[in-house]
Protein backbone atom coordinates (compact mmCIF):
# COMPACT_ATOMS: atom_id res chain seq x y z
CA MET A 1 -20.50 13.27 -86.06
CA PRO A 2 -18.10 14.79 -88.61
CA ALA A 3 -16.12 12.10 -90.45
CA GLN A 4 -12.80 13.44 -89.17
CA GLN A 5 -13.53 14.28 -85.55
CA CYS A 6 -12.73 12.29 -82.41
CA PRO A 7 -16.01 11.59 -80.57
CA LEU A 8 -14.22 11.90 -77.22
CA CYS A 9 -11.99 14.97 -77.39
CA ILE A 10 -13.54 16.57 -80.54
CA ALA A 11 -10.06 17.04 -82.02
CA PHE A 12 -9.06 16.10 -85.57
CA ALA A 13 -8.94 12.31 -85.96
CA ASN A 14 -8.97 9.64 -88.63
CA VAL A 15 -12.35 7.87 -88.42
CA THR A 16 -13.01 4.81 -90.59
CA GLN A 17 -15.41 1.90 -90.65
CA GLY A 18 -14.44 -0.89 -88.27
CA ASP A 19 -16.00 -4.32 -87.84
CA GLY A 20 -19.76 -4.59 -87.42
CA ASP A 21 -21.31 -1.50 -85.82
CA PHE A 22 -17.95 -0.12 -84.70
CA LEU A 23 -16.05 2.87 -86.07
CA ARG A 24 -12.26 2.82 -85.86
CA VAL A 25 -10.80 6.06 -84.47
CA GLN A 26 -7.15 7.14 -84.64
CA CYS A 27 -6.68 10.25 -82.50
CA LYS A 28 -3.40 11.91 -81.56
CA ARG A 29 -4.63 12.52 -78.00
CA CYS A 30 -6.78 9.46 -77.32
CA GLY A 31 -4.83 6.93 -79.38
CA ASP A 32 -6.54 4.12 -81.32
CA PHE A 33 -9.94 2.87 -80.19
CA ASP A 34 -13.26 1.60 -81.52
CA VAL A 35 -16.63 3.21 -80.85
CA THR A 36 -20.14 2.04 -81.70
CA ARG A 37 -22.31 4.32 -83.79
CA ASP A 38 -24.79 4.54 -80.89
CA ALA A 39 -22.04 5.65 -78.51
CA ALA A 40 -20.76 8.17 -81.06
CA ARG A 41 -24.25 9.63 -81.44
CA THR A 42 -24.67 9.80 -77.67
CA LEU A 43 -21.37 11.64 -77.33
CA GLU A 44 -22.31 14.00 -80.16
CA LEU A 45 -25.60 14.91 -78.46
CA ALA A 46 -24.02 15.19 -75.00
CA PRO A 47 -20.27 15.85 -75.41
CA LEU A 48 -17.83 15.24 -72.60
CA GLU A 49 -17.16 18.25 -70.39
CA VAL A 50 -14.05 20.08 -71.55
CA ALA A 51 -12.41 19.71 -68.13
CA THR A 52 -12.59 15.90 -68.41
CA ILE A 53 -10.99 15.57 -71.85
CA GLY A 54 -7.46 15.18 -70.47
CA THR A 55 -8.58 12.39 -68.14
CA VAL A 56 -10.63 10.56 -70.78
CA GLY A 57 -7.95 10.91 -73.45
CA GLY A 58 -5.28 9.54 -71.12
CA TYR A 59 -7.48 6.68 -69.91
CA VAL A 60 -8.35 5.58 -73.45
CA ARG A 61 -4.75 5.95 -74.69
CA ASP A 62 -3.57 3.71 -71.83
CA ARG A 63 -6.01 1.05 -73.03
CA ALA A 64 -5.12 0.68 -76.69
CA GLY A 65 -7.88 -1.04 -78.63
CA LEU A 66 -10.61 -0.12 -76.12
CA ARG A 67 -14.11 -0.60 -77.53
CA VAL A 68 -16.35 2.29 -76.50
CA THR A 69 -20.00 1.32 -76.22
CA VAL A 70 -22.77 3.43 -74.66
CA GLU A 71 -22.01 1.69 -71.36
CA VAL A 72 -18.28 2.41 -71.61
CA ALA A 73 -19.02 6.04 -72.51
CA SER A 74 -20.92 6.35 -69.22
CA THR A 75 -17.88 4.95 -67.41
CA LEU A 76 -15.65 7.52 -69.10
CA ARG A 77 -17.86 10.37 -67.89
CA ALA A 78 -17.38 9.24 -64.29
CA LEU A 79 -13.58 8.87 -64.38
CA ARG A 80 -11.52 10.60 -61.71
CA PRO A 81 -8.42 12.44 -62.91
CA LEU A 82 -4.91 11.43 -61.94
CA SER A 83 -3.26 13.53 -59.27
CA ILE A 84 -0.85 16.27 -60.34
CA ASP A 85 1.99 14.16 -58.97
CA GLU A 86 0.98 11.15 -61.09
CA LYS A 87 0.73 13.27 -64.24
CA ALA A 88 4.12 14.84 -63.56
CA HIS A 89 5.68 11.42 -62.93
CA ARG A 90 4.37 10.24 -66.29
CA LEU A 91 5.94 13.23 -67.99
CA LEU A 92 9.26 12.63 -66.25
CA ALA A 93 9.22 8.95 -67.28
CA ILE A 94 8.50 9.87 -70.91
CA LEU A 95 11.39 12.36 -70.93
CA ALA A 96 13.76 9.79 -69.42
CA SER A 97 12.67 7.15 -71.95
CA SER A 98 13.34 9.43 -74.92
CA HIS A 99 16.61 10.81 -73.42
CA PRO A 100 18.11 7.91 -71.41
CA SER A 101 21.61 9.47 -71.19
CA PRO A 102 21.99 11.83 -68.20
CA GLY A 103 22.83 15.46 -68.84
CA ARG A 104 21.14 15.73 -72.23
CA LEU A 105 19.19 18.91 -73.04
CA LEU A 106 15.45 18.26 -73.42
CA THR A 107 12.73 19.77 -75.55
CA ILE A 108 9.14 19.39 -74.33
CA PRO A 109 6.53 20.03 -77.07
CA CYS A 110 3.72 21.31 -74.85
CA ILE A 111 1.41 21.73 -77.84
CA SER A 112 1.68 18.02 -78.69
CA ALA A 113 -1.74 16.37 -78.35
CA GLU A 114 -0.02 12.98 -78.09
CA LEU A 115 2.16 14.09 -75.16
CA GLN A 116 -0.83 15.69 -73.46
CA GLY A 117 -2.73 12.41 -73.83
CA ARG A 118 0.13 10.31 -72.47
CA CYS A 119 0.31 12.54 -69.38
CA TRP A 120 -3.49 12.86 -68.94
CA ALA A 121 -3.02 16.65 -69.28
CA LEU A 122 -5.84 18.88 -70.51
CA ASP A 123 -3.80 21.24 -72.67
CA GLU A 124 -0.41 22.90 -73.21
CA VAL A 125 -0.93 25.17 -70.18
CA GLU A 126 -1.19 22.17 -67.85
CA LEU A 127 1.71 20.39 -69.52
CA LYS A 128 3.92 23.46 -69.08
CA TYR A 129 2.85 23.66 -65.42
CA LEU A 130 3.78 20.01 -64.84
CA ALA A 131 7.24 20.54 -66.32
CA VAL A 132 8.17 23.98 -65.05
CA ASP A 133 6.27 24.64 -61.84
CA TYR A 134 5.94 21.11 -60.46
CA LEU A 135 8.86 19.01 -61.71
CA GLY A 136 11.21 21.98 -62.00
CA ARG A 137 10.60 24.57 -59.31
CA GLU A 138 8.77 22.48 -56.73
CA LEU A 139 10.49 19.06 -56.89
CA GLY A 140 13.80 19.95 -58.53
CA ALA A 141 13.44 16.89 -60.77
CA LEU A 142 14.14 19.05 -63.83
CA THR A 143 16.84 21.71 -64.09
CA LEU A 144 15.45 24.80 -65.82
CA PRO A 145 17.52 27.16 -68.01
CA SER A 146 17.72 30.81 -67.00
CA ASN A 147 16.12 31.92 -70.27
CA LEU A 148 13.28 29.38 -70.20
CA GLY A 149 10.33 30.19 -72.43
CA LEU A 150 7.99 28.71 -75.01
CA SER A 151 9.28 28.62 -78.57
CA ASN A 152 6.73 27.39 -81.12
CA GLY A 153 4.82 25.77 -78.28
CA ALA A 154 7.86 23.93 -76.88
CA LEU A 155 10.07 24.26 -73.79
CA GLN A 156 13.76 23.94 -74.59
CA GLY A 157 17.01 23.48 -72.70
CA LEU A 158 15.73 21.49 -69.69
CA VAL A 159 17.76 18.68 -68.08
CA ILE A 160 16.67 15.77 -65.87
CA ALA A 161 18.27 16.53 -62.48
CA PRO A 162 19.81 13.84 -60.21
CA SER A 163 16.72 13.99 -58.01
CA GLY A 164 14.62 13.24 -61.10
CA TRP A 165 16.59 10.07 -61.87
CA HIS A 166 16.32 9.09 -58.20
CA ARG A 167 12.55 9.60 -58.29
CA LEU A 168 12.23 7.34 -61.33
CA ALA A 169 14.40 4.64 -59.73
CA ALA A 170 12.23 4.68 -56.61
CA ASN A 171 8.97 4.62 -58.62
CA PRO A 172 9.58 2.93 -61.99
CA PRO A 173 6.93 3.70 -64.61
CA GLY A 174 4.71 1.10 -66.20
CA ILE A 175 1.11 0.06 -66.64
CA SER A 176 -0.06 -2.53 -64.15
CA SER A 177 -0.86 -6.03 -65.38
CA THR A 178 -2.69 -7.09 -62.20
CA ALA A 179 -6.36 -7.16 -61.27
CA PHE A 180 -7.40 -7.20 -57.60
CA ILE A 181 -10.28 -9.53 -56.70
CA ALA A 182 -12.54 -8.41 -53.85
CA MET A 183 -14.86 -11.22 -52.76
CA TRP A 184 -16.27 -13.30 -49.93
CA PHE A 185 -13.65 -15.87 -48.84
CA ASP A 186 -16.04 -18.72 -48.16
CA GLY A 187 -15.83 -22.32 -49.34
CA SER A 188 -19.03 -21.88 -51.34
CA MET A 189 -17.20 -19.34 -53.52
CA ASP A 190 -14.25 -21.54 -54.49
CA ALA A 191 -15.74 -22.61 -57.84
CA LEU A 192 -16.47 -19.02 -58.81
CA ARG A 193 -12.92 -17.99 -57.92
CA ASP A 194 -11.11 -20.90 -59.56
CA GLU A 195 -13.33 -21.54 -62.59
CA CYS A 196 -14.43 -17.99 -63.44
CA LEU A 197 -12.70 -15.02 -61.84
CA ILE A 198 -9.06 -16.08 -62.09
CA PRO A 199 -9.25 -17.67 -65.59
CA GLY A 200 -11.63 -14.97 -66.87
CA ILE A 201 -9.17 -12.25 -65.85
CA ALA A 202 -6.25 -14.22 -67.32
CA ALA A 203 -8.07 -14.61 -70.64
CA ALA A 204 -8.29 -10.81 -70.84
CA GLY A 205 -4.52 -10.51 -70.37
CA TYR A 206 -4.14 -9.77 -66.65
CA GLU A 207 -2.92 -11.53 -63.51
CA ALA A 208 -5.53 -12.00 -60.80
CA VAL A 209 -4.43 -11.05 -57.26
CA LEU A 210 -6.24 -12.08 -54.07
CA VAL A 211 -5.01 -10.94 -50.69
CA ASN A 212 -5.51 -14.39 -49.13
CA ARG A 213 -3.09 -15.87 -51.71
CA HIS A 214 -0.51 -13.09 -51.50
CA GLU A 215 2.50 -13.65 -49.28
CA HIS A 216 3.27 -10.64 -47.06
CA VAL A 217 4.32 -9.64 -43.54
CA ASN A 218 2.26 -6.45 -43.29
CA ARG A 219 -1.07 -5.74 -41.64
CA ILE A 220 -3.80 -7.21 -43.82
CA ASP A 221 -5.59 -3.88 -44.37
CA ASP A 222 -2.34 -2.17 -45.37
CA GLU A 223 -1.62 -4.96 -47.83
CA ILE A 224 -5.10 -4.70 -49.36
CA VAL A 225 -4.65 -0.97 -49.90
CA ALA A 226 -1.21 -1.53 -51.46
CA LEU A 227 -2.48 -4.24 -53.82
CA ILE A 228 -5.42 -2.10 -54.98
CA ARG A 229 -3.13 0.87 -55.59
CA ARG A 230 -0.96 -1.29 -57.85
CA ALA A 231 -3.87 -2.87 -59.75
CA ARG A 232 -5.10 -1.89 -63.21
CA PHE A 233 -8.67 -2.58 -62.08
CA VAL A 234 -10.72 -4.35 -59.41
CA VAL A 235 -13.24 -7.16 -59.84
CA ALA A 236 -15.67 -6.84 -56.92
CA ASP A 237 -18.12 -9.66 -56.28
CA PHE A 238 -20.88 -8.66 -53.85
CA THR A 239 -22.27 -12.12 -53.21
CA GLY A 240 -22.82 -12.44 -49.46
CA GLU A 241 -22.67 -8.64 -49.03
CA ARG A 242 -19.28 -8.59 -47.30
CA GLY A 243 -18.34 -5.24 -45.82
CA GLY A 244 -14.76 -5.61 -47.02
CA VAL A 245 -15.90 -5.80 -50.64
CA TYR A 246 -17.83 -2.53 -50.27
CA PHE A 247 -14.72 -0.89 -48.80
CA GLU A 248 -12.34 -2.24 -51.46
CA ALA A 249 -14.59 -1.23 -54.36
CA GLY A 250 -15.12 2.23 -52.87
CA PHE A 251 -11.39 2.70 -52.24
CA ALA A 252 -10.62 1.77 -55.85
CA MET A 253 -13.23 4.22 -57.16
CA GLY A 254 -11.74 6.97 -55.00
CA LEU A 255 -8.38 6.38 -56.68
CA GLY A 256 -9.94 6.41 -60.14
CA ILE A 257 -9.30 2.68 -60.59
CA PRO A 258 -12.09 1.00 -62.62
CA VAL A 259 -14.31 -1.57 -60.91
CA VAL A 260 -15.99 -4.53 -62.61
CA TRP A 261 -19.13 -5.34 -60.62
CA THR A 262 -20.31 -8.96 -60.25
CA CYS A 263 -22.78 -10.80 -58.01
CA ARG A 264 -24.71 -14.06 -57.79
CA ALA A 265 -27.94 -13.68 -59.78
CA SER A 266 -30.17 -14.76 -56.88
CA ASP A 267 -28.69 -12.06 -54.64
CA LEU A 268 -29.34 -9.42 -57.29
CA GLU A 269 -32.91 -10.62 -57.79
CA ALA A 270 -33.54 -10.48 -54.04
CA GLY A 271 -32.64 -6.79 -54.06
CA SER A 272 -30.38 -7.18 -51.04
CA LEU A 273 -27.51 -4.97 -52.21
CA HIS A 274 -27.06 -1.57 -50.60
CA PHE A 275 -28.57 1.29 -52.60
CA ASP A 276 -25.11 2.88 -52.97
CA VAL A 277 -24.11 0.16 -55.46
CA ASN A 278 -27.32 -1.30 -56.85
CA HIS A 279 -27.38 1.20 -59.73
CA PHE A 280 -24.11 -0.09 -61.19
CA ASN A 281 -24.09 -2.45 -64.17
CA PHE A 282 -23.54 -5.84 -62.48
CA LEU A 283 -22.54 -9.03 -64.26
CA PRO A 284 -24.72 -11.77 -62.72
CA TRP A 285 -23.54 -15.34 -62.34
CA ASP A 286 -25.27 -18.65 -61.72
CA GLU A 287 -23.69 -21.84 -60.36
CA ARG A 288 -25.44 -23.77 -63.15
CA ASP A 289 -23.59 -21.93 -65.94
CA LEU A 290 -20.19 -20.74 -64.77
CA PRO A 291 -18.52 -21.02 -68.22
CA GLN A 292 -20.96 -18.46 -69.64
CA PHE A 293 -20.14 -16.05 -66.80
CA ARG A 294 -16.40 -16.56 -67.30
CA ALA A 295 -16.74 -15.62 -70.98
CA ALA A 296 -18.90 -12.61 -70.11
CA LEU A 297 -16.35 -11.44 -67.54
CA THR A 298 -13.51 -11.62 -70.08
CA HIS A 299 -15.60 -9.68 -72.58
CA ARG A 300 -16.53 -7.00 -70.03
CA ILE A 301 -12.88 -6.52 -69.00
CA SER A 302 -11.70 -6.36 -72.62
CA ALA A 303 -14.43 -3.85 -73.50
CA VAL A 304 -14.21 -1.54 -70.49
CA ILE A 305 -10.54 -1.85 -69.46
CA GLY A 306 -8.88 -3.03 -72.68
CA ARG A 307 -6.76 -6.09 -73.36
CA GLY A 308 -3.97 -6.59 -70.85
CA PRO A 309 -0.24 -6.97 -71.50
CA LEU A 310 -0.23 -10.67 -70.59
CA GLY A 311 -2.80 -11.72 -73.20
């Protein structure tokens, strides 16, 4: 890998020696992250598909300090992109944050790799589409000038419309600090929940959320869907092979929300898991050594998701 090339998006980057086997990468699109030499070599031999670079760059930028191993690189290849609406909402929130006073004229540097990364956009063409065609012409969240055009790769003279401010008020931006736990709610699982899952998630900087501990007045399935949508990631424990856990993990994957896979070691050894999930990289646990599993869970979350805002 060239000394000044991002192993993820292949753009110019500052690459230096990190701790141990890790390289420290500072990329305008992907942000700051660490990557092992093995992962860097793997990515050099089999680069990410061009169409996925916007998704990967945005995902890594959202998780500052992410440590990319060969395993994490495989996760990055399987990421699902954000919807056009989610990307556009990110752009609108960024514009509002940099121009908090209503009525101000905006400049959007579509050629900015940093802005593309923050919006999970592939390139300047997509960024321009989000601003002009989607936020402007379709939603009316941005008011467009009559002489709109690109000047040195930037859109100039736009204004956040009243409907744009209303949209932001109804859906405030921010990165979730919660992790949804999908598991079997049986008394035999209490020690795993209380001694491992909840504290292991907390040690990584996130708040654990379980639907049976969440006060609500909605239908339980609606509440589960809502909690998963708001979560940064899902920890799914397949001990006992509960159908709900399969559904919750699959729903999260469909939304592009990362899943951390766990299961009791004896269940994994018995080969009882459905073939749809048995190829994932499970973290096994054993009742005789729960502290070791708790530490491993915290490490897996920190490596794959990144440290949370509560840590």
